[in-house]
Amino acid sequence: MDTRLDQETALWLRWDKNPLTFESVKQLIAEGNKEELQKCFGARMEFGTAGLRAAMGPGISHMNDLTIIQTTQGFCRYLEKQFSDLKQRGVVISFDARAHPASGGSSKRFARLAATTFISQGIPVYLFSDITPTPFVVYWDNGAQIISPHDKGISEAIEENLEPWPQAWDDSIINSSPLLHDPKASISKDYFEDLKKYCFHRSVNRETKVKFVHTSVHGVGHDFVQSAFKAFDFAPPEAVPEQKDPDPEFPTVKYPNPEEGKGVLTLSFALADKTKAKIVLANDPDADRLAVAEKQDSGEWRVFSGNELGALLGWWLFTSWKEKNQDHSALKDTYMLSSTVSSKILRAIALKEGFHFEETLTGFKWMGNRAKQLIDQGKNVLFAFEEAIGYMCCPFVLDKDGVSAAVITAELASFLATKNLSLSQQLKAIYIEYGYHITKASYFICHDQGTVKKLFENLRNYDGKNNYPKTCGKFEISGIRDLTTGYDDSQPDKKAVLPTSKRSQMITFTFANGGVATIRTSGTEPKIKYYSELCAPPGNSDPEQLKRELNELVSAIEEHFFQPQKYNLQPKGE
């Protein structure tokens, strides 16, 4: 066995006090199972597009009691450096319902260990006494997720504080500590009071004939969506009984992500058909994202993409704001945001209506931080979204929030029903008024980092003379932005405006026909993703023709830029 692995496992056995993970590492060493040990000890978890993520299990590459203690110790030391008043401020900690019996890990246990670390250093902790949606827990001191350089600073501090402190494993110390507070009641009260400000049609909601089904997909969303409906004076939505209570095993679905299409929604559709509901609202397990489906006149269910729902919610929040603010001079201080791989529909609405649109890097950490900067400058941020079904409809939460998005979508549907319109019909009206925006996204799987590098280097040196491609098949390229190198040919100095990162690959091609395509590596999975969109000007109302053209463009990108045969890439498994 190599010496690094030996060192890592020896330290693990010295420090890990969780009998389950301790025993499994001991057993792997006894069996000489190098492959499995490499998986558990290959590399420490890294910050991706949103915080630290990994599966639960033994070793430094996974989430478990010891890595949570180490991470929190580093975070604690970093916060002490950043905030001289940390002992007055304190930290907020919460958890969801996930658990992993095999390694003894659970979100609640991790939350208690993290609280123990801070309290042992005399730092107050606001620990929610019960599961909460992610958006209820605020992040950095500005209320948004952390961005660099904090991720780097925290990672370094973790490496410097790996040995558990004397009280690290004794979570009983927090039970009687005067430093432990429970923010649940006050935060819930404040959240739903703030949410009421985004209710524009209370009388419509009271009378509405539109029925809703809601699923929290075995996650934390149920109680909170019920309360949100109450705050808007709606009758409660019908909850899918088999999925409404938290269950870390997610027994009724293969993969608990409502973005993955209709399989997750099977039980919701059945309940909707039984109760004559036209609309299904589905949260992901930590309730920060939302999928929406609507029963069409044909009897089919239509699941809206993240981009389509972004168009609907953006249009609705602008329309509702405009009705309340007759003074149109405020338009010049009004903003909407979306991430660079999301639909540009908000840009089209902004151009026509006279407010500002900005795009940010992928991930809500960028939109949350940019929104906060704008709010601090006295600007009004109406909405932000990303195509991965994340929406920030109410900027009192500077992150994606599936609870507020669910009830605001319900109000939109109820309001449209008074005009005899469905969500699908309104979406079509938006496209006719502001121009069709057709999107298509997918990915290839590639486990070899060397191959990924080759593929992107080929795009940067397409003709053998360090030039990017000028065409893709028959499609002419009119612009290129490379956020890995910082090149952008649409800027006078050819330098990209958005932050660049050498650590990840990302190139955006603009085409002469109104197409845009971004190819990027995933921060969390062995995928090379692409996002493509055809933006037509208002008045071009043949969506079928546009779809055909986008499919041709995507085929050309797959064939000429990805070259799956040459690079041995696996296509997305349908």
Protein backbone atom coordinates (compact mmCIF):
# COMPACT_ATOMS: atom_id res chain seq x y z
CA MET A 1 0.00 0.00 0.00
CA ASP A 2 1.27 3.47 -0.77
CA THR A 3 2.55 5.56 2.12
CA ARG A 4 0.00 8.39 1.79
CA LEU A 5 -2.84 5.91 2.09
CA ASP A 6 -1.08 4.27 5.07
CA GLN A 7 -0.73 7.64 6.80
CA GLU A 8 -4.34 8.67 6.14
CA THR A 9 -5.78 5.38 7.42
CA ALA A 10 -3.52 5.34 10.49
CA LEU A 11 -4.70 8.84 11.46
CA TRP A 12 -8.28 7.77 10.80
CA LEU A 13 -8.06 4.85 13.22
CA ARG A 14 -6.47 7.12 15.82
CA TRP A 15 -9.16 9.82 15.56
CA ASP A 16 -12.46 8.19 14.54
CA LYS A 17 -14.68 7.50 17.55
CA ASN A 18 -17.70 6.33 15.54
CA PRO A 19 -17.67 2.52 15.93
CA LEU A 20 -19.35 1.87 12.55
CA THR A 21 -16.97 3.89 10.34
CA PHE A 22 -13.98 2.88 12.52
CA GLU A 23 -14.75 -0.82 12.09
CA SER A 24 -15.37 -0.60 8.34
CA VAL A 25 -11.98 1.12 7.76
CA LYS A 26 -10.27 -1.43 10.02
CA GLN A 27 -11.86 -4.23 8.02
CA LEU A 28 -10.83 -2.76 4.66
CA ILE A 29 -7.23 -2.55 5.88
CA ALA A 30 -7.35 -6.17 7.17
CA GLU A 31 -8.69 -7.33 3.78
CA GLY A 32 -6.09 -5.23 1.93
CA ASN A 33 -8.98 -3.81 -0.14
CA LYS A 34 -6.97 -1.09 -1.80
CA GLU A 35 -9.60 -0.14 -4.37
CA GLU A 36 -12.23 0.59 -1.73
CA LEU A 37 -9.70 2.37 0.52
CA GLN A 38 -8.73 4.55 -2.44
CA LYS A 39 -12.42 5.51 -2.85
CA CYS A 40 -12.70 6.41 0.85
CA PHE A 41 -9.34 8.16 1.22
CA GLY A 42 -8.56 9.38 -2.32
CA ALA A 43 -9.08 13.09 -1.66
CA ARG A 44 -10.80 15.30 0.89
CA MET A 45 -14.19 16.74 -0.10
CA GLU A 46 -13.90 19.97 -2.12
CA PHE A 47 -16.14 23.00 -2.57
CA GLY A 48 -18.17 22.61 -5.78
CA THR A 49 -20.94 24.82 -7.18
CA ALA A 50 -22.67 24.74 -3.79
CA GLY A 51 -20.74 23.95 -0.64
CA LEU A 52 -19.14 20.64 0.29
CA ARG A 53 -20.93 17.59 -1.07
CA ALA A 54 -20.25 13.89 -0.83
CA ALA A 55 -22.01 10.62 -0.08
CA MET A 56 -22.15 9.43 3.54
CA GLY A 57 -19.64 6.71 4.41
CA PRO A 58 -16.18 6.16 5.92
CA GLY A 59 -12.99 8.06 5.07
CA ILE A 60 -11.95 11.62 4.19
CA SER A 61 -13.74 11.52 0.82
CA HIS A 62 -17.15 11.04 2.48
CA MET A 63 -19.51 12.71 4.90
CA ASN A 64 -19.23 11.16 8.36
CA ASP A 65 -18.81 12.16 12.01
CA LEU A 66 -15.07 12.73 11.75
CA THR A 67 -15.07 14.73 8.50
CA ILE A 68 -17.92 16.88 9.87
CA ILE A 69 -15.87 17.55 13.04
CA GLN A 70 -12.76 18.39 10.97
CA THR A 71 -14.69 20.63 8.58
CA THR A 72 -16.40 22.50 11.41
CA GLN A 73 -13.14 22.99 13.30
CA GLY A 74 -11.56 24.56 10.23
CA PHE A 75 -14.65 26.66 9.58
CA CYS A 76 -14.68 27.80 13.21
CA ARG A 77 -11.04 28.97 13.10
CA TYR A 78 -11.68 30.73 9.78
CA LEU A 79 -14.74 32.54 11.18
CA GLU A 80 -12.79 33.62 14.28
CA LYS A 81 -10.25 35.25 11.95
CA GLN A 82 -12.94 36.93 9.83
CA PHE A 83 -15.23 38.22 12.61
CA SER A 84 -13.82 39.73 15.78
CA ASP A 85 -17.38 39.72 17.20
CA LEU A 86 -18.10 36.05 16.45
CA LYS A 87 -18.95 35.38 20.13
CA GLN A 88 -21.69 38.04 19.90
CA ARG A 89 -22.94 36.96 16.46
CA GLY A 90 -22.97 33.17 16.75
CA VAL A 91 -23.70 30.69 13.94
CA VAL A 92 -26.90 29.12 12.59
CA ILE A 93 -27.10 25.36 12.01
CA SER A 94 -29.87 23.15 10.70
CA PHE A 95 -30.43 19.74 9.14
CA ASP A 96 -32.74 17.75 6.90
CA ALA A 97 -34.05 14.19 7.18
CA ARG A 98 -31.26 12.34 5.42
CA ALA A 99 -29.49 9.45 7.16
CA HIS A 100 -27.18 6.54 6.41
CA PRO A 101 -27.60 3.75 8.97
CA ALA A 102 -24.60 1.77 7.66
CA SER A 103 -22.15 4.50 8.72
CA GLY A 104 -24.20 5.87 11.61
CA GLY A 105 -24.40 9.22 9.86
CA SER A 106 -27.43 11.47 9.75
CA SER A 107 -28.03 15.11 9.03
CA LYS A 108 -29.26 15.64 12.61
CA ARG A 109 -26.20 13.94 14.13
CA PHE A 110 -23.90 16.06 11.94
CA ALA A 111 -25.73 19.22 13.05
CA ARG A 112 -25.23 18.30 16.72
CA LEU A 113 -21.52 17.58 16.22
CA ALA A 114 -21.07 20.90 14.39
CA ALA A 115 -22.88 22.70 17.23
CA THR A 116 -20.63 20.96 19.76
CA THR A 117 -17.51 22.24 17.97
CA PHE A 118 -18.66 25.88 18.09
CA ILE A 119 -20.05 25.74 21.64
CA SER A 120 -16.80 24.18 22.92
CA GLN A 121 -15.11 27.41 21.75
CA GLY A 122 -17.62 29.68 23.49
CA ILE A 123 -19.50 30.57 20.29
CA PRO A 124 -23.32 30.79 20.45
CA VAL A 125 -25.20 28.39 18.19
CA TYR A 126 -28.72 28.82 16.81
CA LEU A 127 -29.58 25.18 16.14
CA PHE A 128 -33.03 24.51 14.63
CA SER A 129 -34.80 21.91 16.75
CA ASP A 130 -36.40 20.30 13.71
CA ILE A 131 -35.81 19.71 9.99
CA THR A 132 -35.95 22.85 7.83
CA PRO A 133 -35.75 23.77 4.16
CA THR A 134 -32.27 24.92 3.15
CA PRO A 135 -33.39 28.54 2.44
CA PHE A 136 -34.37 29.04 6.10
CA VAL A 137 -30.72 28.81 7.12
CA VAL A 138 -28.75 31.90 6.19
CA TYR A 139 -25.19 31.47 4.95
CA TRP A 140 -22.36 34.03 5.14
CA ASP A 141 -22.99 37.27 7.06
CA ASN A 142 -24.53 38.77 3.91
CA GLY A 143 -27.16 36.01 3.77
CA ALA A 144 -25.79 34.45 0.55
CA GLN A 145 -23.76 31.29 -0.05
CA ILE A 146 -20.00 31.70 0.17
CA ILE A 147 -17.93 32.47 -2.92
CA SER A 148 -14.15 32.62 -3.34
CA PRO A 149 -11.85 33.44 -1.64
CA HIS A 150 -13.77 32.07 1.37
CA ASP A 151 -13.94 28.50 0.00
CA LYS A 152 -10.16 28.43 -0.36
CA GLY A 153 -9.61 30.00 3.07
CA ILE A 154 -11.97 27.52 4.74
CA SER A 155 -10.35 24.54 2.96
CA GLU A 156 -6.92 25.63 4.18
CA ALA A 157 -8.21 26.08 7.73
CA ILE A 158 -9.74 22.56 7.64
CA GLU A 159 -6.35 21.08 6.70
CA GLU A 160 -4.77 22.90 9.67
CA ASN A 161 -7.34 21.58 12.19
CA LEU A 162 -7.73 17.89 11.41
CA GLU A 163 -7.17 16.47 14.89
CA PRO A 164 -10.45 16.48 16.85
CA TRP A 165 -10.45 18.92 19.77
CA PRO A 166 -10.83 17.48 23.31
CA GLN A 167 -14.64 17.88 23.51
CA ALA A 168 -15.33 17.19 19.81
CA TRP A 169 -17.10 13.85 20.32
CA ASP A 170 -19.10 14.76 23.42
CA ASP A 171 -22.27 16.27 22.00
CA SER A 172 -23.97 16.04 25.40
CA ILE A 173 -22.18 19.30 26.33
CA ILE A 174 -24.63 21.30 24.21
CA ASN A 175 -27.78 20.03 25.96
CA SER A 176 -27.48 22.28 29.00
CA SER A 177 -25.36 25.00 27.40
CA PRO A 178 -26.60 28.60 27.72
CA LEU A 179 -24.98 29.15 24.29
CA LEU A 180 -27.53 26.90 22.53
CA HIS A 181 -30.61 28.63 21.08
CA ASP A 182 -33.51 27.37 18.94
CA PRO A 183 -34.45 29.88 16.21
CA LYS A 184 -37.26 27.75 14.76
CA ALA A 185 -40.31 29.68 15.99
CA SER A 186 -39.00 33.19 15.35
CA ILE A 187 -37.53 32.43 11.91
CA SER A 188 -40.73 30.68 10.78
CA LYS A 189 -42.83 33.61 11.94
CA ASP A 190 -40.58 36.14 10.17
CA TYR A 191 -40.38 34.08 6.99
CA PHE A 192 -44.15 33.74 6.53
CA GLU A 193 -44.74 37.41 7.48
CA ASP A 194 -42.21 38.45 4.80
CA LEU A 195 -43.74 36.01 2.31
CA LYS A 196 -47.15 37.70 2.61
CA LYS A 197 -45.71 40.79 0.89
CA TYR A 198 -45.49 38.72 -2.32
CA CYS A 199 -49.18 37.86 -2.30
CA PHE A 200 -50.87 40.16 -4.84
CA HIS A 201 -54.34 38.61 -5.25
CA ARG A 202 -55.62 37.43 -1.88
CA SER A 203 -59.28 37.57 -2.93
CA VAL A 204 -58.57 35.49 -6.05
CA ASN A 205 -56.77 32.89 -3.92
CA ARG A 206 -59.70 32.61 -1.50
CA GLU A 207 -62.19 31.97 -4.30
CA THR A 208 -60.06 29.96 -6.70
CA LYS A 209 -61.40 26.76 -8.26
CA VAL A 210 -57.90 25.63 -9.26
CA LYS A 211 -56.81 22.56 -7.32
CA PHE A 212 -53.20 21.74 -6.48
CA VAL A 213 -51.32 18.59 -5.56
CA HIS A 214 -48.05 18.97 -3.68
CA THR A 215 -45.28 16.46 -3.06
CA SER A 216 -42.24 16.95 -0.89
CA VAL A 217 -40.69 13.70 -2.24
CA HIS A 218 -39.91 12.28 1.25
CA GLY A 219 -38.11 15.51 2.15
CA VAL A 220 -38.65 18.51 4.42
CA GLY A 221 -41.08 20.62 2.37
CA HIS A 222 -44.54 19.44 3.48
CA ASP A 223 -45.25 21.56 6.56
CA PHE A 224 -43.67 24.65 5.06
CA VAL A 225 -45.65 24.57 1.81
CA GLN A 226 -48.86 24.00 3.80
CA SER A 227 -48.01 27.12 5.88
CA ALA A 228 -47.13 29.12 2.74
CA PHE A 229 -50.56 28.33 1.22
CA LYS A 230 -52.18 29.48 4.47
CA ALA A 231 -50.17 32.73 4.34
CA PHE A 232 -51.66 33.39 0.86
CA ASP A 233 -55.22 32.49 2.00
CA PHE A 234 -55.33 29.38 -0.18
CA ALA A 235 -57.06 26.14 0.72
CA PRO A 236 -54.25 23.67 1.50
CA PRO A 237 -52.88 21.69 -1.47
CA GLU A 238 -53.52 17.94 -1.56
CA ALA A 239 -50.35 16.26 -0.30
CA VAL A 240 -49.20 12.94 -1.78
CA PRO A 241 -49.65 10.77 1.33
CA GLU A 242 -46.91 8.23 0.53
CA GLN A 243 -44.32 11.02 0.11
CA LYS A 244 -45.29 13.73 2.58
CA ASP A 245 -43.32 12.50 5.60
CA PRO A 246 -39.52 12.67 5.62
CA ASP A 247 -37.89 9.33 4.84
CA PRO A 248 -34.14 9.10 4.18
CA GLU A 249 -34.67 5.89 2.17
CA PHE A 250 -36.88 7.65 -0.44
CA PRO A 251 -38.82 4.37 -0.87
CA THR A 252 -41.21 5.42 -3.68
CA VAL A 253 -38.71 6.89 -6.16
CA LYS A 254 -35.59 5.69 -7.93
CA TYR A 255 -33.88 9.06 -7.61
CA PRO A 256 -35.46 11.80 -5.45
CA ASN A 257 -34.90 14.68 -7.87
CA PRO A 258 -38.03 16.20 -9.44
CA GLU A 259 -35.81 17.58 -12.22
CA GLU A 260 -35.28 14.03 -13.50
CA GLY A 261 -38.71 13.98 -15.11
CA LYS A 262 -41.97 12.14 -14.78
CA GLY A 263 -40.93 9.08 -12.74
CA VAL A 264 -40.73 11.12 -9.54
CA LEU A 265 -44.19 12.55 -10.25
CA THR A 266 -46.08 9.28 -10.93
CA LEU A 267 -47.84 9.27 -7.54
CA SER A 268 -48.61 12.99 -7.83
CA PHE A 269 -50.30 12.52 -11.22
CA ALA A 270 -52.41 9.66 -9.84
CA LEU A 271 -53.56 11.75 -6.88
CA ALA A 272 -54.22 14.75 -9.14
CA ASP A 273 -56.39 12.64 -11.46
CA LYS A 274 -58.30 11.32 -8.45
CA THR A 275 -58.87 14.78 -6.91
CA LYS A 276 -59.36 16.59 -10.27
CA ALA A 277 -56.32 18.79 -9.66
CA LYS A 278 -54.81 20.50 -12.71
CA ILE A 279 -51.46 21.46 -11.22
CA VAL A 280 -48.72 19.46 -9.49
CA LEU A 281 -46.08 21.24 -7.40
CA ALA A 282 -43.04 19.13 -6.45
CA ASN A 283 -40.17 20.13 -4.18
CA ASP A 284 -36.82 18.40 -4.00
CA PRO A 285 -35.96 16.84 -0.62
CA ASP A 286 -34.42 19.98 0.91
CA ALA A 287 -37.18 22.19 -0.55
CA ASP A 288 -34.98 24.72 -2.31
CA ARG A 289 -36.09 23.69 -5.82
CA LEU A 290 -39.47 23.29 -7.50
CA ALA A 291 -40.87 21.35 -10.45
CA VAL A 292 -44.34 22.15 -11.84
CA ALA A 293 -46.63 20.08 -14.06
CA GLU A 294 -49.98 21.01 -15.61
CA LYS A 295 -52.71 18.76 -17.02
CA GLN A 296 -53.26 19.69 -20.67
CA ASP A 297 -56.61 19.57 -22.48
CA SER A 298 -55.35 16.46 -24.28
CA GLY A 299 -55.22 14.66 -20.93
CA GLU A 300 -51.39 14.62 -21.00
CA TRP A 301 -49.31 16.05 -18.17
CA ARG A 302 -46.82 18.71 -19.18
CA VAL A 303 -43.79 19.07 -16.89
CA PHE A 304 -42.33 22.54 -17.33
CA SER A 305 -38.57 22.85 -17.68
CA GLY A 306 -36.66 25.13 -15.32
CA ASN A 307 -36.31 27.64 -18.15
CA GLU A 308 -40.04 27.63 -18.90
CA LEU A 309 -40.97 28.15 -15.26
CA GLY A 310 -38.31 30.87 -15.07
CA ALA A 311 -40.08 32.64 -17.96
CA LEU A 312 -43.48 32.34 -16.26
CA LEU A 313 -42.32 33.46 -12.80
CA GLY A 314 -40.19 36.29 -14.23
CA TRP A 315 -43.12 37.57 -16.28
CA TRP A 316 -45.46 37.27 -13.29
CA LEU A 317 -43.22 39.03 -10.77
CA PHE A 318 -42.58 41.85 -13.23
CA THR A 319 -46.28 42.21 -14.12
CA SER A 320 -47.32 42.21 -10.45
CA TRP A 321 -44.59 44.72 -9.53
CA LYS A 322 -45.56 47.01 -12.42
CA GLU A 323 -49.18 47.06 -11.30
CA LYS A 324 -48.15 48.11 -7.81
CA ASN A 325 -45.56 50.68 -9.02
CA GLN A 326 -47.17 53.00 -11.52
CA ASP A 327 -44.08 55.25 -11.36
CA HIS A 328 -42.03 53.89 -14.23
CA SER A 329 -38.90 55.86 -13.39
CA ALA A 330 -38.19 53.04 -10.89
CA LEU A 331 -37.57 50.71 -13.87
CA LYS A 332 -33.98 51.92 -14.25
CA ASP A 333 -33.20 50.62 -10.74
CA THR A 334 -34.95 47.27 -11.23
CA TYR A 335 -33.05 44.04 -11.95
CA MET A 336 -33.48 40.39 -12.77
CA LEU A 337 -30.67 37.81 -12.80
CA SER A 338 -30.08 34.37 -14.21
CA SER A 339 -27.07 32.12 -14.57
CA THR A 340 -25.13 31.98 -17.80
CA VAL A 341 -26.35 28.47 -18.69
CA SER A 342 -30.01 29.41 -18.18
CA SER A 343 -32.47 30.74 -20.78
CA LYS A 344 -32.00 34.35 -21.91
CA ILE A 345 -35.79 34.92 -21.84
CA LEU A 346 -35.42 37.43 -18.97
CA ARG A 347 -33.01 39.43 -21.15
CA ALA A 348 -35.68 39.65 -23.85
CA ILE A 349 -38.37 40.75 -21.34
CA ALA A 350 -35.97 43.30 -19.79
CA LEU A 351 -35.07 44.79 -23.20
CA LYS A 352 -38.70 45.30 -24.12
CA GLU A 353 -39.93 46.47 -20.70
CA GLY A 354 -36.98 48.68 -19.77
CA PHE A 355 -35.52 47.07 -16.64
CA HIS A 356 -32.03 45.57 -16.22
CA PHE A 357 -30.99 41.98 -16.78
CA GLU A 358 -27.65 40.55 -15.66
CA GLU A 359 -26.19 37.09 -15.98
CA THR A 360 -23.89 35.46 -13.45
CA LEU A 361 -21.80 32.32 -13.27
CA THR A 362 -23.54 28.99 -12.68
CA GLY A 363 -24.85 28.42 -9.15
CA PHE A 364 -27.03 30.44 -6.81
CA LYS A 365 -24.02 31.52 -4.77
CA TRP A 366 -23.24 33.97 -7.59
CA MET A 367 -26.80 35.25 -7.99
CA GLY A 368 -27.26 35.62 -4.21
CA ASN A 369 -24.07 37.64 -3.83
CA ARG A 370 -24.80 39.82 -6.87
CA ALA A 371 -28.37 40.42 -5.68
CA LYS A 372 -27.03 41.53 -2.29
CA GLN A 373 -24.59 43.98 -3.93
CA LEU A 374 -27.43 45.47 -5.98
CA ILE A 375 -29.79 45.71 -2.99
CA ASP A 376 -27.02 47.46 -1.00
CA GLN A 377 -26.76 50.00 -3.85
CA GLY A 378 -30.47 50.74 -3.44
CA LYS A 379 -31.55 48.67 -6.45
CA ASN A 380 -34.64 46.51 -6.60
CA VAL A 381 -34.02 42.84 -7.44
CA LEU A 382 -37.28 41.25 -8.60
CA PHE A 383 -36.26 37.71 -9.49
CA ALA A 384 -33.38 35.33 -10.17
CA PHE A 385 -33.42 31.79 -11.53
CA GLU A 386 -31.33 28.93 -12.88
CA GLU A 387 -32.37 26.21 -15.32
CA ALA A 388 -31.86 23.49 -12.67
CA ILE A 389 -35.36 24.40 -11.31
CA GLY A 390 -34.03 26.95 -8.80
CA TYR A 391 -35.92 30.24 -8.24
CA MET A 392 -35.43 33.25 -5.99
CA CYS A 393 -38.81 34.98 -6.08
CA CYS A 394 -38.42 36.92 -2.83
CA PRO A 395 -35.04 38.51 -2.19
CA PHE A 396 -35.46 38.34 1.59
CA VAL A 397 -33.92 34.90 0.97
CA LEU A 398 -30.78 35.33 -1.15
CA ASP A 399 -30.88 31.80 -2.49
CA LYS A 400 -33.15 29.48 -4.43
CA ASP A 401 -36.29 28.73 -2.43
CA GLY A 402 -38.83 26.09 -3.45
CA VAL A 403 -41.37 27.03 -0.75
CA SER A 404 -41.99 30.62 -1.91
CA ALA A 405 -41.77 29.52 -5.56
CA ALA A 406 -44.52 26.90 -4.97
CA VAL A 407 -47.07 29.31 -3.51
CA ILE A 408 -46.26 32.10 -5.98
CA THR A 409 -46.77 29.63 -8.85
CA ALA A 410 -50.12 28.69 -7.26
CA GLU A 411 -51.18 32.34 -7.21
CA LEU A 412 -50.06 32.82 -10.82
CA ALA A 413 -52.12 29.78 -11.91
CA SER A 414 -55.16 30.97 -9.93
CA PHE A 415 -54.94 34.47 -11.41
CA LEU A 416 -54.60 33.11 -14.96
CA ALA A 417 -57.63 30.88 -14.40
CA THR A 418 -59.78 33.99 -13.83
CA LYS A 419 -58.81 34.99 -17.40
CA ASN A 420 -59.48 31.43 -18.66
CA LEU A 421 -55.79 30.88 -19.30
CA SER A 422 -53.57 27.93 -18.39
CA LEU A 423 -49.86 28.16 -17.54
CA SER A 424 -49.08 26.63 -20.97
CA GLN A 425 -51.16 29.26 -22.76
CA GLN A 426 -49.53 32.07 -20.82
CA LEU A 427 -46.07 30.68 -21.58
CA LYS A 428 -46.94 30.73 -25.28
CA ALA A 429 -48.16 34.34 -24.95
CA ILE A 430 -44.82 35.30 -23.32
CA TYR A 431 -42.92 33.70 -26.22
CA ILE A 432 -45.07 35.43 -28.83
CA GLU A 433 -44.62 38.81 -27.14
CA TYR A 434 -40.90 38.58 -26.31
CA GLY A 435 -39.65 36.02 -28.83
CA TYR A 436 -39.48 32.23 -28.65
CA HIS A 437 -36.65 30.83 -26.52
CA ILE A 438 -36.20 27.11 -27.14
CA THR A 439 -33.67 25.26 -25.01
CA LYS A 440 -32.05 21.85 -24.99
CA ALA A 441 -29.50 20.57 -22.50
CA SER A 442 -27.78 17.25 -21.97
CA TYR A 443 -24.41 15.77 -21.08
CA PHE A 444 -21.79 13.14 -21.82
CA ILE A 445 -20.14 11.05 -19.12
CA CYS A 446 -16.35 11.03 -19.00
CA HIS A 447 -14.38 9.60 -16.08
CA ASP A 448 -10.95 10.57 -17.37
CA GLN A 449 -9.77 14.11 -16.58
CA GLY A 450 -7.05 13.88 -19.25
CA THR A 451 -9.67 13.28 -21.95
CA VAL A 452 -11.75 16.22 -20.72
CA LYS A 453 -8.69 18.45 -20.98
CA LYS A 454 -7.96 17.22 -24.51
CA LEU A 455 -11.52 17.90 -25.66
CA PHE A 456 -11.43 21.51 -24.39
CA GLU A 457 -7.88 22.14 -25.65
CA ASN A 458 -9.03 20.96 -29.09
CA LEU A 459 -11.76 23.66 -29.01
CA ARG A 460 -9.17 26.31 -28.12
CA ASN A 461 -6.84 25.16 -30.89
CA TYR A 462 -9.34 24.08 -33.52
CA ASP A 463 -7.27 24.87 -36.61
CA GLY A 464 -3.87 23.96 -35.17
CA LYS A 465 -3.01 27.69 -34.86
CA ASN A 466 -4.47 28.50 -31.43
CA ASN A 467 -7.80 29.67 -32.82
CA TYR A 468 -11.31 28.81 -31.67
CA PRO A 469 -13.67 27.29 -34.26
CA LYS A 470 -15.34 29.68 -36.74
CA THR A 471 -18.14 27.28 -37.64
CA CYS A 472 -19.80 24.20 -36.22
CA GLY A 473 -20.90 22.07 -39.17
CA LYS A 474 -23.01 24.44 -41.26
CA PHE A 475 -23.56 26.89 -38.38
CA GLU A 476 -21.50 30.08 -38.32
CA ILE A 477 -20.07 31.17 -34.95
CA SER A 478 -20.34 34.91 -34.19
CA GLY A 479 -18.92 35.08 -30.68
CA ILE A 480 -16.86 33.13 -28.13
CA ARG A 481 -16.46 33.52 -24.39
CA ASP A 482 -14.08 31.23 -22.51
CA LEU A 483 -14.45 31.55 -18.74
CA THR A 484 -11.56 29.16 -18.11
CA THR A 485 -9.03 31.45 -19.81
CA GLY A 486 -10.88 34.77 -19.46
CA TYR A 487 -11.25 35.43 -23.21
CA ASP A 488 -14.38 37.15 -24.60
CA ASP A 489 -14.35 38.44 -28.18
CA SER A 490 -17.46 40.58 -27.64
CA GLN A 491 -15.55 42.88 -25.25
CA PRO A 492 -13.38 45.69 -26.66
CA ASP A 493 -10.30 44.40 -24.78
CA LYS A 494 -11.26 40.74 -25.41
CA LYS A 495 -11.37 40.16 -21.63
CA ALA A 496 -14.37 38.44 -20.01
CA VAL A 497 -16.41 40.47 -17.52
CA LEU A 498 -17.56 37.51 -15.42
CA PRO A 499 -15.10 35.93 -12.95
CA THR A 500 -12.93 33.23 -14.52
CA SER A 501 -11.65 30.01 -13.01
CA LYS A 502 -8.81 27.86 -14.26
CA ARG A 503 -10.16 24.99 -12.15
CA SER A 504 -13.20 24.32 -14.34
CA GLN A 505 -13.79 24.26 -18.08
CA MET A 506 -16.45 26.50 -19.63
CA ILE A 507 -16.80 27.90 -23.17
CA THR A 508 -19.85 29.70 -24.60
CA PHE A 509 -20.41 29.92 -28.38
CA THR A 510 -22.82 32.44 -29.90
CA PHE A 511 -24.11 31.58 -33.40
CA ALA A 512 -25.16 33.84 -36.25
CA ASN A 513 -28.66 32.27 -36.26
CA GLY A 514 -29.47 33.44 -32.69
CA GLY A 515 -28.24 30.23 -31.07
CA VAL A 516 -26.14 30.12 -27.90
CA ALA A 517 -24.38 27.02 -26.54
CA THR A 518 -22.29 26.57 -23.42
CA ILE A 519 -20.10 23.52 -22.83
CA ARG A 520 -18.86 23.07 -19.27
CA THR A 521 -17.58 20.49 -16.82
CA SER A 522 -19.72 19.66 -13.80
CA GLY A 523 -18.50 20.75 -10.39
CA THR A 524 -19.81 17.60 -8.73
CA GLU A 525 -20.08 14.75 -11.28
CA PRO A 526 -17.97 13.13 -14.06
CA LYS A 527 -20.01 14.94 -16.73
CA ILE A 528 -19.35 17.33 -19.59
CA LYS A 529 -22.61 19.25 -19.88
CA TYR A 530 -23.99 21.35 -22.69
CA TYR A 531 -26.77 23.94 -22.63
CA SER A 532 -28.12 25.27 -25.90
CA GLU A 533 -30.76 27.83 -26.76
CA LEU A 534 -32.26 29.40 -29.85
CA CYS A 535 -33.52 32.94 -29.20
CA ALA A 536 -35.86 34.21 -31.89
CA PRO A 537 -36.98 37.84 -32.14
CA PRO A 538 -40.65 38.59 -31.33
CA GLY A 539 -42.99 37.77 -34.19
CA ASN A 540 -41.32 34.56 -35.34
CA SER A 541 -44.02 32.22 -34.17
CA ASP A 542 -43.13 28.86 -35.67
CA PRO A 543 -41.79 26.98 -32.65
CA GLU A 544 -41.66 23.65 -34.52
CA GLN A 545 -39.31 25.08 -37.12
CA LEU A 546 -37.15 26.59 -34.33
CA LYS A 547 -37.06 23.23 -32.53
CA ARG A 548 -35.87 21.51 -35.71
CA GLU A 549 -33.14 24.11 -36.16
CA LEU A 550 -32.02 23.77 -32.53
CA ASN A 551 -31.91 19.96 -32.87
CA GLU A 552 -29.70 20.35 -35.94
CA LEU A 553 -27.43 22.74 -34.06
CA VAL A 554 -27.17 20.35 -31.09
CA SER A 555 -26.36 17.43 -33.40
CA ALA A 556 -23.59 19.51 -35.00
CA ILE A 557 -22.19 20.42 -31.56
CA GLU A 558 -22.21 16.76 -30.47
CA GLU A 559 -20.56 15.61 -33.70
CA HIS A 560 -17.92 18.34 -34.19
CA PHE A 561 -17.18 19.62 -30.68
CA PHE A 562 -17.75 16.60 -28.42
CA GLN A 563 -16.64 13.93 -30.94
CA PRO A 564 -17.94 11.13 -28.67
CA GLN A 565 -16.33 8.33 -30.74
CA LYS A 566 -12.88 9.91 -30.70
CA TYR A 567 -12.98 10.68 -26.96
CA ASN A 568 -14.95 7.56 -25.98
CA LEU A 569 -17.72 9.51 -24.23
CA GLN A 570 -20.86 7.88 -22.88
CA PRO A 571 -24.07 9.69 -23.83
CA LYS A 572 -26.65 10.50 -21.13
CA GLY A 573 -28.60 7.33 -20.36
CA GLU A 574 -32.17 8.01 -21.33
